[in-house]
């Protein structure tokens, strides 16, 4: 389940959409207002997580279920991102990892947008190597061409770019952790001799 991500390549968003100030995000989390790209190719903000009738917040939708979904008030969106966090459980320990795509400073996840509620969720797919060693699912990452196809209702091939994965500090476990670059730094390794 992809519940936290980063938006670091904000310069690219400013150039593309002419938005005056978009601050980098290192701890984008459910319940926060975050940028998305709509069908009209406009950058707008929406809340991460679509609140369901029972009160729960849906943060992910499976690509495999997209054709079966009732269209209703939901439409497609693209979610600007630079990487995401995932946790691997080993015994009672949960190690957070940062996953990025080194070939691109900014990319887009496929998303679902509820315009009426101004909320969105991330579309996921089966994880590929090496991500599948951490978690069985990952965001459906769009290519630059695939972003437009996704917004127009097609299901483009996901990006096959190389994936970079490394462990990060447990500080990210706190949703109120400082929203700064320290969250994506590798933990310090100490040499004693």
Protein backbone atom coordinates (compact mmCIF):
# COMPACT_ATOMS: atom_id res chain seq x y z
CA UNK A 1 0.00 0.00 0.00
CA UNK A 2 1.50 3.32 -1.04
CA UNK A 3 0.65 5.77 1.72
CA UNK A 4 3.54 8.26 1.65
CA UNK A 5 5.47 9.84 -1.17
CA UNK A 6 7.69 12.75 -2.16
CA UNK A 7 7.36 15.63 -4.62
CA UNK A 8 10.86 16.99 -5.08
CA UNK A 9 11.00 18.13 -8.73
CA UNK A 10 8.84 21.19 -8.11
CA UNK A 11 10.83 23.33 -10.56
CA UNK A 12 9.46 21.14 -13.36
CA UNK A 13 5.89 21.74 -12.15
CA UNK A 14 6.49 25.51 -12.03
CA UNK A 15 7.82 25.48 -15.59
CA UNK A 16 5.00 23.31 -16.93
CA UNK A 17 2.05 24.94 -15.18
CA UNK A 18 3.36 28.41 -14.35
CA UNK A 19 2.48 28.01 -10.68
CA UNK A 20 4.37 30.63 -8.65
CA UNK A 21 5.37 28.65 -5.56
CA UNK A 22 5.24 24.91 -5.13
CA UNK A 23 7.30 23.69 -2.20
CA UNK A 24 9.03 20.30 -2.24
CA UNK A 25 7.30 17.65 -0.14
CA UNK A 26 9.21 14.86 1.56
CA UNK A 27 6.31 13.45 3.59
CA UNK A 28 3.16 13.66 1.44
CA UNK A 29 0.62 11.68 3.47
CA UNK A 30 -3.10 10.82 3.55
CA UNK A 31 -5.33 13.70 4.63
CA UNK A 32 -3.02 16.37 3.18
CA UNK A 33 -3.88 18.68 0.27
CA UNK A 34 -1.46 17.82 -2.52
CA UNK A 35 -1.08 18.69 -6.21
CA UNK A 36 -2.68 16.55 -8.92
CA UNK A 37 -3.04 16.95 -12.68
CA UNK A 38 -6.62 16.80 -13.97
CA UNK A 39 -8.09 15.71 -17.29
CA UNK A 40 -8.00 19.36 -18.38
CA UNK A 41 -4.21 19.23 -17.81
CA UNK A 42 -4.49 21.70 -14.95
CA UNK A 43 -2.58 21.52 -11.71
CA UNK A 44 -4.91 21.66 -8.72
CA UNK A 45 -4.87 20.52 -5.10
CA UNK A 46 -6.93 17.70 -3.65
CA UNK A 47 -6.93 15.72 -0.41
CA UNK A 48 -4.96 12.46 -0.50
CA UNK A 49 -7.53 9.77 0.30
CA UNK A 50 -11.13 9.50 -0.85
CA UNK A 51 -13.45 9.25 2.16
CA UNK A 52 -15.90 6.38 1.79
CA UNK A 53 -19.47 6.24 3.03
CA UNK A 54 -18.40 4.38 6.17
CA UNK A 55 -15.79 7.01 7.00
CA UNK A 56 -12.66 5.10 5.98
CA UNK A 57 -10.18 6.77 3.65
CA UNK A 58 -9.29 4.89 0.42
CA UNK A 59 -5.74 5.81 -0.51
CA UNK A 60 -5.09 3.14 -3.17
CA UNK A 61 -7.03 1.52 -6.03
CA UNK A 62 -5.84 -1.55 -7.92
CA UNK A 63 -5.27 -1.18 -11.68
CA UNK A 64 -6.73 -4.67 -12.11
CA UNK A 65 -10.09 -3.39 -10.82
CA UNK A 66 -10.25 -0.23 -12.96
CA UNK A 67 -12.46 -1.61 -15.73
CA UNK A 68 -14.93 -3.10 -13.25
CA UNK A 69 -15.24 0.11 -11.22
CA UNK A 70 -18.40 2.13 -11.47
CA UNK A 71 -17.43 5.38 -13.11
CA UNK A 72 -19.75 7.48 -10.93
CA UNK A 73 -18.18 10.72 -9.84
CA UNK A 74 -14.59 9.48 -10.03
CA UNK A 75 -12.30 10.40 -12.90
CA UNK A 76 -8.65 9.93 -13.65
CA UNK A 77 -5.81 12.17 -12.55
CA UNK A 78 -2.01 12.09 -12.58
CA UNK A 79 -0.17 12.57 -9.30
CA UNK A 80 3.19 14.39 -9.49
CA UNK A 81 5.79 12.49 -7.45
CA UNK A 82 9.51 11.88 -7.17
CA UNK A 83 9.44 8.69 -5.13
CA UNK A 84 7.57 6.88 -2.37
CA UNK A 85 8.08 5.06 0.90
CA UNK A 86 7.28 1.47 1.67
CA UNK A 87 7.84 -0.67 4.74
CA UNK A 88 9.21 -4.20 4.92
CA UNK A 89 8.26 -6.20 7.98
CA UNK A 90 10.84 -8.58 9.37
CA UNK A 91 9.63 -10.15 12.59
CA UNK A 92 8.42 -7.30 14.78
CA UNK A 93 10.59 -4.70 13.01
CA UNK A 94 9.24 -2.52 10.18
CA UNK A 95 12.04 -1.02 8.09
CA UNK A 96 11.07 1.95 5.90
CA UNK A 97 12.55 2.18 2.40
CA UNK A 98 12.62 5.05 -0.08
CA UNK A 99 11.89 4.05 -3.66
CA UNK A 100 12.70 6.42 -6.52
CA UNK A 101 13.28 6.44 -10.24
CA UNK A 102 16.78 7.90 -10.72
CA UNK A 103 16.25 8.65 -14.42
CA UNK A 104 13.56 11.27 -13.67
CA UNK A 105 13.43 14.06 -11.10
CA UNK A 106 9.64 14.18 -11.38
CA UNK A 107 7.20 11.58 -12.65
CA UNK A 108 3.50 10.86 -12.25
CA UNK A 109 1.52 8.11 -10.57
CA UNK A 110 -1.80 7.09 -12.09
CA UNK A 111 -4.60 8.30 -9.83
CA UNK A 112 -8.36 8.43 -9.31
CA UNK A 113 -9.93 11.82 -8.59
CA UNK A 114 -13.28 12.49 -6.91
CA UNK A 115 -13.95 16.03 -8.12
CA UNK A 116 -17.02 16.47 -5.90
CA UNK A 117 -15.03 15.69 -2.74
CA UNK A 118 -11.77 17.18 -4.10
CA UNK A 119 -9.93 14.00 -3.13
CA UNK A 120 -7.73 11.43 -4.86
CA UNK A 121 -6.12 8.03 -4.43
CA UNK A 122 -3.10 6.34 -6.02
CA UNK A 123 -3.57 3.50 -8.51
CA UNK A 124 -1.30 0.52 -7.78
CA UNK A 125 -0.09 -2.51 -9.70
CA UNK A 126 1.81 -5.70 -8.91
CA UNK A 127 5.35 -4.78 -7.88
CA UNK A 128 8.31 -5.55 -10.14
CA UNK A 129 11.84 -6.46 -9.09
CA UNK A 130 13.48 -5.21 -6.96
CA UNK A 131 10.41 -3.56 -5.39
CA UNK A 132 8.64 -6.92 -4.98
CA UNK A 133 11.23 -7.85 -2.32
CA UNK A 134 9.81 -5.06 -0.15
CA UNK A 135 6.07 -5.16 -0.93
CA UNK A 136 3.78 -6.92 -3.43
CA UNK A 137 2.24 -3.65 -4.73
CA UNK A 138 3.61 -0.35 -6.03
CA UNK A 139 2.23 2.83 -7.64
CA UNK A 140 1.35 2.61 -11.33
CA UNK A 141 4.09 4.91 -12.64
CA UNK A 142 3.26 6.65 -15.91
CA UNK A 143 5.67 7.51 -18.71
CA UNK A 144 5.45 11.06 -20.07
CA UNK A 145 3.33 9.82 -22.99
CA UNK A 146 1.41 7.50 -20.70
CA UNK A 147 0.31 10.42 -18.52
CA UNK A 148 -1.77 11.90 -21.35
CA UNK A 149 -3.13 8.47 -22.33
CA UNK A 150 -4.14 7.78 -18.73
CA UNK A 151 -5.98 11.09 -18.43
CA UNK A 152 -7.85 10.33 -21.68
CA UNK A 153 -9.15 7.01 -20.31
CA UNK A 154 -6.67 4.57 -21.81
CA UNK A 155 -4.52 2.14 -19.84
CA UNK A 156 -0.96 2.80 -21.00
CA UNK A 157 1.97 0.51 -20.30
CA UNK A 158 3.55 1.45 -16.97
CA UNK A 159 7.02 2.91 -16.90
CA UNK A 160 9.81 0.33 -16.99
CA UNK A 161 12.51 2.68 -15.72
CA UNK A 162 15.09 1.45 -13.26
CA UNK A 163 14.10 1.62 -9.62
CA UNK A 164 16.36 2.82 -6.82
CA UNK A 165 15.65 1.46 -3.32
CA UNK A 166 17.41 2.08 -0.04
CA UNK A 167 16.53 2.01 3.67
CA UNK A 168 15.77 5.28 5.43
CA UNK A 169 15.47 6.39 9.03
CA UNK A 170 12.45 5.41 11.10
CA UNK A 171 11.66 9.14 11.41
CA UNK A 172 9.28 8.70 8.45
CA UNK A 173 7.14 6.45 10.67
CA UNK A 174 5.83 9.63 12.29
CA UNK A 175 3.27 11.35 10.00
CA UNK A 176 4.16 14.66 11.67
CA UNK A 177 7.91 14.28 11.02
CA UNK A 178 9.61 17.39 9.62
CA UNK A 179 8.89 17.72 5.90
CA UNK A 180 12.52 18.03 4.83
CA UNK A 181 15.27 16.18 2.91
CA UNK A 182 16.46 14.35 6.03
CA UNK A 183 13.60 11.88 5.49
CA UNK A 184 15.13 10.47 2.30
CA UNK A 185 18.72 10.27 3.54
CA UNK A 186 20.25 6.88 4.06
CA UNK A 187 20.75 6.07 7.75
CA UNK A 188 24.27 6.81 8.90
CA UNK A 189 26.59 3.85 9.04
CA UNK A 190 29.14 4.04 11.83
CA UNK A 191 32.53 2.41 11.69
CA UNK A 192 33.85 1.63 15.13
CA UNK A 193 37.43 0.70 14.22
